[in-house]
Amino acid sequence: MRPVACLADIFRTEDPALAGSTAYIFEDRATTYAELAQLSNRYANAFISAGIKLNDRIAIMDKNSAAFPGLFGGALKARATLVPLNFRLSYQEVEFIISDSGAGMLFIGSEFKEIAHALQQRFEELEIVFLPAATAADPEPDSPSLEQWAAGFSQQDPQLPNLPGDHAVQLYTSGTTGRPKGVYHTSAHYMAGFAALGKATVHIAGDEVQLICMPLCHIAGLSNLMNGLLNGSCQVITREFNPAEVFTLIPKYRVNTTLFAPVIIQTLINMPEAGSTDTSSLRRIFYGSAPISQTVLKKAQEIFACDFWQLYGMTENLGIATYLPPGDHSPERNKLLSCGKPYPDSKLRIVDEDGNDLPTGEVGEIITRAPWTMPEYWHRPEATENTLVDGWLHTGDAGYFDEEGYLYIHDRLKDMIVSGGENIYPAEVENALFAHPAVAEAAVFGVPDENWGESVVAAVVLKPGHHAGEDDIIRFTREKIAAFKVPGRIVFIDLLPRNTAGKVLKRELRAPYWEGKDRAVS
């Protein structure tokens, strides 16, 4: 681990030996640590000149790009807060986040011009800068482009004081009430989290080459990027996940480590290249963001023949809750269904509805406490109060401990759906469905899906005298929310099942789809 005092130091190169090393490669172009430091300095000075001050929010919306690391470093050096936006969101969702975060600047990929132009009409004072086209197929950026915006600014470090309480990043999670919630983390949170990763050896060593194909707008991709840069490794960044490209890049750059969502692993092991590509350089594969089947995991172990580490966590705790190391992946240990044990410097409990600890083997809510837990939800005091109780983060996941203290995920207490590594809260989808003129009631839930883990299904009750088909409702919903949240199937029913208090019994709706499953997550 490099001797850094804060996150901004990651983008400084005091060590001459590191300066000439490659920080990241994107589209076959390498950027050294010295170049990254100079680039982030220039962006930091441009931010300061634009009037950006402590904890001001700066949004970025794009697929993975070469611009991201420099802009993040520049924001940190200017003591601003980066707000990465999921590029798959609809305009309405992006508009809400810009308004909620109070972002005064937006850096956006050229392929999202329509959203950018609509935002310019909605937010007159929002400064928009267009990022370079990532491929020849992408449209040329509008003006001002990133290079035009940053032209002429000094490459000298502004040397502003970077304090532990500075807000480093703000990510948005799907909302249980239908609106995304902003989760911000400070520089101190990241440094504490990285220290725990180091103690657990869940870190990217300086001599490693790391492949990053997870989105940098998600906590998993972002944290892995920072983890690698912190330790001086080389990151090979892809625009987005492409299975054929993964099998090209691993032997080309002798990739040693990477992080995959289970859906990516499942896709890769079914590719023709899986049995013929030289992946001998791989030392380990981290995986997480959703449960994985033992069948998929065992086949992946055979194909890639490297160490596997399972990671469990959520945006609210930097994705750092538990880990299952390679030794526990052996058949003799019989721990493949477990997500492991908590990290050093953190605590984990299983509690009942009253907050009482439950004995070994009994299912209850998983709660965790660590120095890297978020302080609060941005401008959401009620949501914060429900999630953070006496310093304990309530995950909304149900699980239990075995006799050795290993954690097992059993179900989700919340209604969240995990599809292809994306978290989907039914309330968001239901709000979109309710806007349809023919929909009286709707209940959204997840069902098993061989490719994506879960897929979205909506049970819909139509208004008396109204008619609407499945395709019509799906098309309507697609205009309101991101495509990955849109139901793949609409089930029309006469009445939603409810309890005596009037709450919809989604477990009854889900139950037929999950028959024969060992656990109610996939």
Protein backbone atom coordinates (compact mmCIF):
# COMPACT_ATOMS: atom_id res chain seq x y z
CA MET A 1 0.00 0.00 0.00
CA ARG A 2 1.42 3.39 -1.01
CA PRO A 3 2.03 5.89 1.81
CA VAL A 4 -0.99 8.13 1.18
CA ALA A 5 -2.76 10.26 3.79
CA CYS A 6 -5.98 10.88 1.84
CA LEU A 7 -7.70 9.89 -1.38
CA ALA A 8 -6.31 12.85 -3.31
CA ASP A 9 -2.78 11.56 -2.63
CA ILE A 10 -3.56 8.57 -4.86
CA PHE A 11 -3.32 11.00 -7.77
CA ARG A 12 0.07 12.34 -6.71
CA THR A 13 3.39 10.72 -7.63
CA GLU A 14 6.12 11.48 -5.12
CA ASP A 15 7.89 8.23 -5.97
CA PRO A 16 9.98 8.60 -9.19
CA ALA A 17 9.84 4.85 -9.76
CA LEU A 18 6.03 4.96 -9.86
CA ALA A 19 5.81 8.04 -12.07
CA GLY A 20 6.77 6.15 -15.23
CA SER A 21 4.61 3.11 -14.48
CA THR A 22 1.30 2.62 -16.26
CA ALA A 23 -1.70 3.69 -14.20
CA TYR A 24 -4.33 2.54 -16.68
CA ILE A 25 -4.86 1.42 -20.25
CA PHE A 26 -7.98 2.30 -22.21
CA GLU A 27 -8.50 1.39 -25.86
CA ASP A 28 -4.81 0.35 -26.00
CA ARG A 29 -3.60 3.79 -24.89
CA ALA A 30 -1.51 3.76 -21.72
CA THR A 31 -1.49 6.61 -19.19
CA THR A 32 1.35 6.74 -16.67
CA TYR A 33 1.01 7.74 -13.04
CA ALA A 34 2.90 10.98 -13.81
CA GLU A 35 0.50 11.78 -16.65
CA LEU A 36 -2.49 11.01 -14.43
CA ALA A 37 -1.13 13.36 -11.76
CA GLN A 38 -0.67 16.17 -14.28
CA LEU A 39 -4.07 15.55 -15.83
CA SER A 40 -5.85 15.62 -12.47
CA ASN A 41 -3.94 18.80 -11.55
CA ARG A 42 -5.16 20.51 -14.71
CA TYR A 43 -8.76 19.46 -14.06
CA ALA A 44 -8.49 20.54 -10.41
CA ASN A 45 -7.32 24.02 -11.44
CA ALA A 46 -10.14 24.22 -13.99
CA PHE A 47 -12.65 23.30 -11.27
CA ILE A 48 -11.26 25.93 -8.91
CA SER A 49 -11.35 28.55 -11.66
CA ALA A 50 -15.00 27.66 -12.32
CA GLY A 51 -15.84 28.47 -8.70
CA ILE A 52 -16.09 24.88 -7.43
CA LYS A 53 -15.73 24.85 -3.64
CA LEU A 54 -15.55 22.35 -0.78
CA ASN A 55 -18.08 19.49 -1.18
CA ASP A 56 -19.66 20.97 -4.31
CA ARG A 57 -21.13 18.15 -6.40
CA ILE A 58 -19.76 17.38 -9.87
CA ALA A 59 -21.70 14.80 -11.90
CA ILE A 60 -20.34 12.49 -14.58
CA MET A 61 -22.44 10.30 -16.86
CA ASP A 62 -20.76 7.98 -19.31
CA LYS A 63 -19.72 4.40 -19.81
CA ASN A 64 -16.20 3.63 -18.61
CA SER A 65 -13.73 6.00 -20.23
CA ALA A 66 -10.16 7.29 -20.09
CA ALA A 67 -11.51 10.60 -18.76
CA PHE A 68 -12.91 9.16 -15.53
CA PRO A 69 -9.73 8.68 -13.43
CA GLY A 70 -8.41 12.18 -14.17
CA LEU A 71 -11.73 13.85 -13.44
CA PHE A 72 -12.09 11.97 -10.18
CA GLY A 73 -8.57 12.95 -9.14
CA GLY A 74 -9.20 16.54 -10.18
CA ALA A 75 -12.38 16.69 -8.16
CA LEU A 76 -10.59 15.34 -5.08
CA LYS A 77 -7.75 17.85 -5.42
CA ALA A 78 -10.31 20.65 -5.72
CA ARG A 79 -12.06 19.24 -2.60
CA ALA A 80 -15.22 18.63 -4.63
CA THR A 81 -17.48 15.54 -4.64
CA LEU A 82 -17.86 13.34 -7.70
CA VAL A 83 -21.38 12.07 -8.47
CA PRO A 84 -21.14 9.18 -10.97
CA LEU A 85 -24.45 8.56 -12.76
CA ASN A 86 -25.49 5.19 -14.10
CA PHE A 87 -25.44 5.62 -17.88
CA ARG A 88 -28.42 3.28 -18.16
CA LEU A 89 -30.79 5.64 -16.36
CA SER A 90 -33.68 7.37 -18.08
CA TYR A 91 -33.84 11.14 -18.47
CA GLN A 92 -36.34 11.46 -15.63
CA GLU A 93 -34.01 9.58 -13.27
CA VAL A 94 -30.99 11.66 -14.28
CA GLU A 95 -32.98 14.88 -13.88
CA PHE A 96 -33.93 13.89 -10.34
CA ILE A 97 -30.34 13.11 -9.34
CA ILE A 98 -28.99 16.37 -10.76
CA SER A 99 -31.64 18.25 -8.80
CA ASP A 100 -31.23 16.21 -5.60
CA SER A 101 -27.42 16.37 -5.54
CA GLY A 102 -27.32 20.05 -6.46
CA ALA A 103 -24.60 19.33 -9.03
CA GLY A 104 -23.46 22.50 -10.76
CA MET A 105 -21.44 20.69 -13.43
CA LEU A 106 -22.07 17.62 -15.56
CA PHE A 107 -19.50 15.76 -17.65
CA ILE A 108 -21.37 13.57 -20.10
CA GLY A 109 -20.51 11.13 -22.88
CA SER A 110 -21.21 12.25 -26.41
CA GLU A 111 -23.59 9.34 -27.01
CA PHE A 112 -25.94 10.81 -24.38
CA LYS A 113 -26.43 14.12 -26.21
CA GLU A 114 -30.23 13.97 -26.07
CA ILE A 115 -30.21 13.74 -22.27
CA ALA A 116 -27.63 16.54 -22.09
CA HIS A 117 -29.69 18.87 -24.26
CA ALA A 118 -32.84 18.18 -22.25
CA LEU A 119 -30.94 18.90 -19.02
CA GLN A 120 -29.70 22.20 -20.44
CA GLN A 121 -33.32 23.24 -20.93
CA ARG A 122 -34.26 22.13 -17.41
CA PHE A 123 -31.27 23.52 -15.49
CA GLU A 124 -30.20 26.87 -16.89
CA GLU A 125 -27.15 27.19 -14.61
CA LEU A 126 -25.91 23.61 -15.06
CA GLU A 127 -22.54 23.69 -16.83
CA ILE A 128 -22.26 20.76 -19.21
CA VAL A 129 -18.97 19.49 -20.65
CA PHE A 130 -18.94 16.75 -23.28
CA LEU A 131 -16.50 13.88 -22.98
CA PRO A 132 -14.52 12.58 -25.97
CA ALA A 133 -16.01 9.94 -28.22
CA ALA A 134 -14.78 6.60 -26.94
CA THR A 135 -14.93 4.80 -30.29
CA ALA A 136 -15.12 5.78 -33.94
CA ALA A 137 -18.79 4.80 -33.91
CA ASP A 138 -19.67 7.37 -31.24
CA PRO A 139 -20.84 10.84 -32.27
CA GLU A 140 -18.38 13.69 -31.96
CA PRO A 141 -18.82 15.64 -28.73
CA ASP A 142 -20.67 18.92 -28.65
CA SER A 143 -18.99 22.09 -27.43
CA PRO A 144 -17.54 22.60 -24.95
CA SER A 145 -15.54 19.40 -25.05
CA LEU A 146 -13.37 18.24 -22.16
CA GLU A 147 -10.19 19.44 -23.84
CA GLN A 148 -11.69 22.85 -24.64
CA TRP A 149 -12.88 23.23 -21.07
CA ALA A 150 -9.51 22.33 -19.52
CA ALA A 151 -7.27 24.03 -22.09
CA GLY A 152 -4.65 26.41 -20.72
CA PHE A 153 -4.90 25.45 -17.05
CA SER A 154 -1.76 24.71 -15.05
CA GLN A 155 -0.53 21.17 -14.49
CA GLN A 156 0.78 22.17 -11.08
CA ASP A 157 -0.93 20.67 -8.03
CA PRO A 158 -3.15 23.31 -6.35
CA GLN A 159 -2.15 21.77 -3.00
CA LEU A 160 -5.44 22.44 -1.26
CA PRO A 161 -5.72 20.76 2.15
CA ASN A 162 -7.54 17.45 1.86
CA LEU A 163 -9.19 16.66 5.18
CA PRO A 164 -10.66 13.34 6.36
CA GLY A 165 -14.20 14.72 6.40
CA ASP A 166 -14.17 15.92 2.77
CA HIS A 167 -16.99 14.31 0.79
CA ALA A 168 -15.20 12.25 -1.85
CA VAL A 169 -17.99 10.61 -3.82
CA GLN A 170 -21.78 10.41 -3.87
CA LEU A 171 -23.43 7.40 -5.47
CA TYR A 172 -27.15 6.86 -5.90
CA THR A 173 -28.92 3.66 -4.94
CA SER A 174 -32.37 2.60 -6.03
CA GLY A 175 -34.97 3.87 -3.61
CA THR A 176 -37.38 1.83 -1.50
CA THR A 177 -39.83 4.72 -1.76
CA GLY A 178 -39.47 5.14 -5.52
CA ARG A 179 -36.71 7.75 -5.52
CA PRO A 180 -32.95 7.08 -5.64
CA LYS A 181 -31.03 7.87 -2.46
CA GLY A 182 -27.66 9.61 -2.43
CA VAL A 183 -24.93 7.79 -0.50
CA TYR A 184 -21.83 9.87 0.12
CA HIS A 185 -18.51 8.72 1.50
CA THR A 186 -15.66 10.78 2.89
CA SER A 187 -11.96 10.47 2.28
CA ALA A 188 -11.61 8.96 5.76
CA HIS A 189 -14.19 6.26 4.93
CA TYR A 190 -12.24 5.15 1.89
CA MET A 191 -8.92 5.14 3.74
CA ALA A 192 -10.41 3.04 6.56
CA GLY A 193 -11.99 0.66 4.06
CA PHE A 194 -8.78 0.27 2.09
CA ALA A 195 -6.87 -0.44 5.32
CA ALA A 196 -9.32 -3.26 6.08
CA LEU A 197 -8.94 -4.65 2.55
CA GLY A 198 -5.18 -4.66 3.04
CA LYS A 199 -5.43 -6.54 6.34
CA ALA A 200 -7.64 -9.14 4.68
CA THR A 201 -5.28 -9.23 1.64
CA VAL A 202 -8.26 -8.22 -0.52
CA HIS A 203 -6.15 -5.62 -2.27
CA ILE A 204 -4.56 -5.18 -5.67
CA ALA A 205 -0.78 -5.51 -5.38
CA GLY A 206 1.53 -3.02 -7.09
CA ASP A 207 2.94 -5.64 -9.47
CA GLU A 208 -0.48 -6.75 -10.69
CA VAL A 209 -2.44 -5.95 -13.83
CA GLN A 210 -6.12 -5.53 -13.07
CA LEU A 211 -8.94 -5.83 -15.60
CA ILE A 212 -11.87 -3.48 -14.91
CA CYS A 213 -15.01 -4.21 -16.91
CA MET A 214 -17.49 -3.43 -14.13
CA PRO A 215 -19.10 0.02 -14.44
CA LEU A 216 -17.19 2.81 -12.69
CA CYS A 217 -20.56 4.36 -11.80
CA HIS A 218 -21.08 1.47 -9.36
CA ILE A 219 -19.40 1.05 -6.00
CA ALA A 220 -17.73 -2.22 -7.09
CA GLY A 221 -16.05 -0.85 -10.20
CA LEU A 222 -15.16 2.47 -8.57
CA SER A 223 -13.65 0.92 -5.44
CA ASN A 224 -11.61 -1.55 -7.47
CA LEU A 225 -10.21 1.28 -9.59
CA MET A 226 -9.21 3.22 -6.49
CA ASN A 227 -7.86 0.09 -4.79
CA GLY A 228 -5.61 -0.57 -7.78
CA LEU A 229 -4.39 3.02 -8.14
CA LEU A 230 -3.76 3.21 -4.41
CA ASN A 231 -1.32 0.33 -4.64
CA GLY A 232 0.36 1.40 -7.87
CA SER A 233 -0.95 -1.38 -10.11
CA CYS A 234 -1.91 -1.20 -13.78
CA GLN A 235 -5.64 -1.08 -14.65
CA VAL A 236 -6.93 -2.28 -18.02
CA ILE A 237 -10.28 -0.50 -18.34
CA THR A 238 -12.95 -1.54 -20.84
CA ARG A 239 -15.73 0.69 -22.10
CA GLU A 240 -18.25 -1.90 -20.93
CA PHE A 241 -18.41 -5.64 -20.50
CA ASN A 242 -17.80 -7.54 -23.72
CA PRO A 243 -17.09 -11.27 -23.25
CA ALA A 244 -15.00 -11.64 -26.41
CA GLU A 245 -12.94 -8.59 -25.42
CA VAL A 246 -12.30 -10.04 -21.96
CA PHE A 247 -10.79 -13.16 -23.52
CA THR A 248 -8.66 -10.95 -25.78
CA LEU A 249 -7.38 -8.64 -23.05
CA ILE A 250 -6.43 -11.26 -20.46
CA PRO A 251 -3.63 -12.83 -22.54
CA LYS A 252 -2.73 -9.57 -24.30
CA TYR A 253 -1.91 -7.70 -21.10
CA ARG A 254 -1.24 -10.76 -18.90
CA VAL A 255 -4.05 -9.78 -16.56
CA ASN A 256 -3.58 -11.04 -12.98
CA THR A 257 -6.77 -10.03 -11.20
CA THR A 258 -10.30 -8.84 -11.88
CA LEU A 259 -13.76 -8.43 -10.36
CA PHE A 260 -16.78 -10.04 -12.00
CA ALA A 261 -20.48 -10.07 -11.20
CA PRO A 262 -21.88 -13.64 -11.23
CA VAL A 263 -23.78 -12.92 -14.46
CA ILE A 264 -20.44 -12.07 -16.12
CA ILE A 265 -18.88 -15.31 -14.90
CA GLN A 266 -21.83 -17.28 -16.22
CA THR A 267 -21.54 -15.57 -19.61
CA LEU A 268 -17.79 -16.15 -19.84
CA ILE A 269 -17.80 -19.85 -18.98
CA ASN A 270 -20.33 -20.47 -21.76
CA MET A 271 -18.24 -18.72 -24.41
CA PRO A 272 -16.34 -20.85 -26.98
CA GLU A 273 -13.15 -19.01 -25.99
CA ALA A 274 -13.44 -20.30 -22.42
CA GLY A 275 -11.67 -23.55 -23.23
CA SER A 276 -9.11 -22.26 -25.68
CA THR A 277 -7.87 -18.88 -24.35
CA ASP A 278 -4.65 -18.64 -22.36
CA THR A 279 -5.78 -17.30 -18.97
CA SER A 280 -2.77 -18.66 -17.07
CA SER A 281 -1.75 -15.15 -15.98
CA LEU A 282 -4.82 -14.90 -13.73
CA ARG A 283 -3.97 -15.14 -10.04
CA ARG A 284 -7.44 -14.50 -8.67
CA ILE A 285 -10.98 -13.50 -9.52
CA PHE A 286 -13.10 -11.48 -7.10
CA TYR A 287 -16.83 -11.87 -7.51
CA GLY A 288 -19.87 -10.33 -5.86
CA SER A 289 -22.90 -8.01 -6.20
CA ALA A 290 -25.30 -10.98 -6.38
CA PRO A 291 -25.54 -14.62 -5.29
CA ILE A 292 -23.88 -17.26 -7.50
CA SER A 293 -24.85 -20.87 -8.06
CA GLN A 294 -22.45 -23.61 -7.01
CA THR A 295 -22.63 -25.12 -10.51
CA VAL A 296 -21.48 -21.90 -12.17
CA LEU A 297 -18.77 -21.32 -9.58
CA LYS A 298 -17.33 -24.83 -9.83
CA LYS A 299 -17.20 -24.65 -13.62
CA ALA A 300 -15.49 -21.25 -13.44
CA GLN A 301 -12.90 -22.68 -11.03
CA GLU A 302 -12.13 -25.45 -13.52
CA ILE A 303 -11.84 -23.11 -16.51
CA PHE A 304 -9.82 -20.29 -14.97
CA ALA A 305 -7.79 -22.38 -12.50
CA CYS A 306 -7.04 -19.44 -10.19
CA ASP A 307 -8.03 -18.29 -6.71
CA PHE A 308 -11.63 -17.13 -6.21
CA TRP A 309 -12.71 -14.59 -3.60
CA GLN A 310 -16.35 -13.82 -2.88
CA LEU A 311 -17.17 -10.26 -1.69
CA TYR A 312 -20.41 -9.09 -0.06
CA GLY A 313 -21.40 -5.54 0.70
CA MET A 314 -23.52 -2.60 -0.40
CA THR A 315 -23.05 0.98 -1.53
CA GLU A 316 -23.72 2.20 2.00
CA ASN A 317 -20.59 0.44 3.30
CA LEU A 318 -18.34 0.76 0.23
CA GLY A 319 -19.18 -2.84 -0.68
CA ILE A 320 -17.02 -3.98 2.26
CA ALA A 321 -18.97 -6.30 4.58
CA THR A 322 -17.69 -9.89 4.27
CA TYR A 323 -15.28 -11.92 2.16
CA LEU A 324 -14.78 -15.61 1.43
CA PRO A 325 -11.08 -16.35 0.68
CA PRO A 326 -9.78 -19.06 -1.67
CA GLY A 327 -9.18 -21.58 1.11
CA ASP A 328 -12.90 -21.66 1.80
CA HIS A 329 -13.69 -22.41 -1.86
CA SER A 330 -12.35 -25.96 -1.65
CA PRO A 331 -14.85 -28.85 -1.79
CA GLU A 332 -13.63 -30.06 1.61
CA ARG A 333 -14.69 -26.82 3.32
CA ASN A 334 -18.26 -26.93 1.96
CA LYS A 335 -18.58 -23.13 2.22
CA LEU A 336 -19.47 -22.20 -1.37
CA LEU A 337 -22.94 -20.99 -0.38
CA SER A 338 -21.46 -18.72 2.28
CA CYS A 339 -20.33 -15.14 1.68
CA GLY A 340 -17.66 -15.46 4.36
CA LYS A 341 -16.68 -13.54 7.46
CA PRO A 342 -16.51 -9.82 8.28
CA TYR A 343 -13.41 -7.75 7.57
CA PRO A 344 -10.98 -6.67 10.28
CA ASP A 345 -12.15 -3.56 12.17
CA SER A 346 -15.82 -4.31 11.47
CA LYS A 347 -18.67 -6.15 13.19
CA LEU A 348 -21.58 -8.21 11.93
CA ARG A 349 -24.74 -9.37 13.69
CA ILE A 350 -27.95 -11.28 12.93
CA VAL A 351 -30.92 -9.73 14.74
CA ASP A 352 -34.67 -10.17 15.07
CA GLU A 353 -37.27 -7.44 14.50
CA ASP A 354 -36.57 -5.98 17.94
CA GLY A 355 -32.81 -5.81 17.39
CA ASN A 356 -31.98 -8.80 19.58
CA ASP A 357 -29.11 -11.09 18.54
CA LEU A 358 -30.18 -14.47 17.21
CA PRO A 359 -28.38 -17.77 17.88
CA THR A 360 -26.39 -19.73 15.33
CA GLY A 361 -28.49 -21.08 12.49
CA GLU A 362 -31.47 -18.77 13.00
CA VAL A 363 -32.40 -16.40 10.18
CA GLY A 364 -32.66 -12.69 10.89
CA GLU A 365 -31.60 -9.35 9.47
CA ILE A 366 -27.91 -8.81 8.74
CA ILE A 367 -26.60 -5.61 10.32
CA THR A 368 -23.04 -4.34 10.20
CA ARG A 369 -20.88 -1.68 11.79
CA ALA A 370 -17.58 -0.31 10.44
CA PRO A 371 -15.57 2.93 10.23
CA TRP A 372 -16.36 3.11 6.51
CA THR A 373 -20.16 3.11 6.83
CA MET A 374 -21.87 6.10 5.22
CA PRO A 375 -22.71 9.02 7.56
CA GLU A 376 -26.25 9.40 6.18
CA TYR A 377 -28.35 9.48 3.06
CA TRP A 378 -28.07 12.83 1.31
CA HIS A 379 -31.08 14.96 2.33
CA ARG A 380 -32.99 11.84 3.49
CA PRO A 381 -33.23 12.02 7.31
CA GLU A 382 -36.12 9.56 7.54
CA ALA A 383 -34.39 6.98 5.33
CA THR A 384 -31.19 7.47 7.34
CA GLU A 385 -33.05 6.92 10.61
CA ASN A 386 -34.53 3.67 9.31
CA THR A 387 -31.23 2.35 7.97
CA LEU A 388 -28.67 3.55 10.53
CA VAL A 389 -29.70 2.60 14.06
CA ASP A 390 -27.25 3.30 16.88
CA GLY A 391 -24.40 3.17 14.39
CA TRP A 392 -25.50 -0.17 12.90
CA LEU A 393 -26.25 -0.37 9.19
CA HIS A 394 -29.39 -2.42 8.53
CA THR A 395 -28.77 -4.17 5.22
CA GLY A 396 -32.30 -5.39 4.56
CA ASP A 397 -30.83 -8.82 3.83
CA ALA A 398 -31.81 -11.89 5.80
CA GLY A 399 -29.15 -14.40 6.75
CA TYR A 400 -27.68 -16.63 9.41
CA PHE A 401 -24.32 -17.70 10.86
CA ASP A 402 -23.06 -21.27 10.88
CA GLU A 403 -21.11 -22.81 13.77
CA GLU A 404 -17.83 -21.32 12.48
CA GLY A 405 -19.23 -17.80 12.19
CA TYR A 406 -19.62 -17.81 8.40
CA LEU A 407 -22.47 -15.74 6.99
CA TYR A 408 -25.12 -17.14 4.64
CA ILE A 409 -27.59 -14.99 2.71
CA HIS A 410 -31.05 -16.52 2.96
CA ASP A 411 -33.44 -13.92 1.56
CA ARG A 412 -34.02 -10.20 1.26
CA LEU A 413 -36.17 -8.50 3.86
CA LYS A 414 -36.55 -5.62 1.43
CA ASP A 415 -38.18 -6.24 -1.93
CA MET A 416 -35.01 -5.47 -3.88
CA ILE A 417 -34.39 -7.41 -7.09
CA VAL A 418 -30.84 -8.10 -8.30
CA SER A 419 -30.72 -8.56 -12.07
CA GLY A 420 -27.41 -8.75 -13.89
CA GLY A 421 -25.64 -7.13 -10.93
CA GLU A 422 -28.03 -4.16 -10.93
CA ASN A 423 -30.15 -3.41 -7.86
CA ILE A 424 -33.80 -2.76 -8.70
CA TYR A 425 -36.30 -1.58 -6.12
CA PRO A 426 -39.90 -2.49 -7.00
CA ALA A 427 -41.19 0.89 -5.77
CA GLU A 428 -39.44 2.65 -8.65
CA VAL A 429 -40.95 0.29 -11.21
CA GLU A 430 -44.38 0.45 -9.56
CA ASN A 431 -44.35 4.25 -9.69
CA ALA A 432 -43.75 4.06 -13.43
CA LEU A 433 -46.56 1.52 -13.86
CA PHE A 434 -49.01 3.60 -11.83
CA ALA A 435 -48.59 6.45 -14.33
CA HIS A 436 -50.20 4.31 -17.03
CA PRO A 437 -53.84 5.43 -17.43
CA ALA A 438 -55.16 1.86 -17.40
CA VAL A 439 -53.28 0.61 -14.32
CA ALA A 440 -55.15 0.60 -11.01
CA GLU A 441 -52.64 -1.39 -8.93
CA ALA A 442 -49.29 -3.03 -9.47
CA ALA A 443 -46.88 -5.19 -7.51
CA VAL A 444 -43.37 -5.84 -8.81
CA PHE A 445 -41.19 -8.76 -7.74
CA GLY A 446 -38.20 -10.81 -8.88
CA VAL A 447 -38.25 -14.32 -10.30
CA PRO A 448 -35.36 -16.70 -11.06
CA ASP A 449 -33.54 -16.11 -14.32
CA GLU A 450 -30.81 -18.43 -15.62
CA ASN A 451 -28.91 -15.62 -17.33
CA TRP A 452 -29.43 -12.59 -15.06
CA GLY A 453 -30.00 -14.14 -11.65
CA GLU A 454 -33.43 -12.54 -11.40
CA SER A 455 -35.80 -10.88 -13.83
CA VAL A 456 -38.58 -8.38 -13.17
CA VAL A 457 -42.23 -9.41 -13.20
CA ALA A 458 -45.20 -7.11 -12.53
CA ALA A 459 -48.62 -8.22 -11.33
CA VAL A 460 -51.08 -5.62 -12.63
CA VAL A 461 -54.72 -4.87 -11.83
CA LEU A 462 -56.43 -2.80 -14.52
CA LYS A 463 -58.94 -0.07 -13.83
CA PRO A 464 -62.59 -1.00 -14.44
CA GLY A 465 -63.51 -0.37 -18.06
CA HIS A 466 -59.89 0.05 -19.16
CA HIS A 467 -57.91 -2.25 -21.42
CA ALA A 468 -54.15 -2.55 -21.97
CA GLY A 469 -51.91 -5.27 -23.29
CA GLU A 470 -48.60 -6.50 -21.96
CA ASP A 471 -46.58 -4.89 -24.77
CA ASP A 472 -48.36 -1.57 -24.32
CA ILE A 473 -47.56 -1.39 -20.60
CA ILE A 474 -43.96 -2.47 -21.12
CA ARG A 475 -43.43 0.20 -23.81
CA PHE A 476 -44.97 2.83 -21.56
CA THR A 477 -42.77 1.85 -18.62
CA ARG A 478 -39.64 1.91 -20.77
CA GLU A 479 -40.15 5.65 -21.31
CA LYS A 480 -40.11 6.28 -17.55
CA ILE A 481 -37.25 4.20 -16.17
CA ALA A 482 -33.99 2.55 -17.22
CA ALA A 483 -34.39 -0.44 -19.53
CA PHE A 484 -32.92 -2.91 -17.01
CA LYS A 485 -35.71 -2.03 -14.55
CA VAL A 486 -38.56 -2.56 -17.01
CA PRO A 487 -40.65 -5.70 -16.35
CA GLY A 488 -39.96 -8.51 -18.76
CA ARG A 489 -43.40 -9.89 -18.08
CA ILE A 490 -46.78 -8.47 -17.04
CA VAL A 491 -49.20 -10.78 -15.21
CA PHE A 492 -52.77 -9.47 -15.17
CA ILE A 493 -54.76 -10.38 -12.05
CA ASP A 494 -58.11 -9.29 -10.60
CA LEU A 495 -56.92 -8.63 -7.04
CA LEU A 496 -53.56 -8.27 -5.30
CA PRO A 497 -53.12 -10.50 -2.22
CA ARG A 498 -52.98 -8.39 0.97
CA ASN A 499 -52.70 -8.93 4.71
CA THR A 500 -55.17 -7.58 7.27
CA ALA A 501 -53.27 -4.28 7.36
CA GLY A 502 -53.67 -3.90 3.60
CA LYS A 503 -50.03 -4.57 2.70
CA VAL A 504 -49.47 -6.42 -0.56
CA LEU A 505 -48.16 -9.94 0.09
CA LYS A 506 -45.40 -10.11 -2.50
CA ARG A 507 -44.13 -13.36 -1.04
CA GLU A 508 -47.33 -15.01 -2.22
CA LEU A 509 -46.81 -13.60 -5.70
CA ARG A 510 -43.18 -14.75 -5.77
CA ALA A 511 -43.67 -18.18 -4.18
CA PRO A 512 -44.73 -20.20 -7.27
CA TYR A 513 -41.65 -19.03 -9.19
CA TRP A 514 -39.26 -20.01 -6.40
CA GLU A 515 -40.57 -23.51 -5.67
CA GLY A 516 -37.76 -26.02 -5.43
CA LYS A 517 -35.13 -23.37 -4.67
CA ASP A 518 -32.95 -23.68 -1.54
CA ARG A 519 -33.10 -19.94 -0.89
CA ALA A 520 -35.26 -17.07 -2.09
CA VAL A 521 -32.41 -15.26 -3.80
CA SER A 522 -30.75 -16.24 -7.06
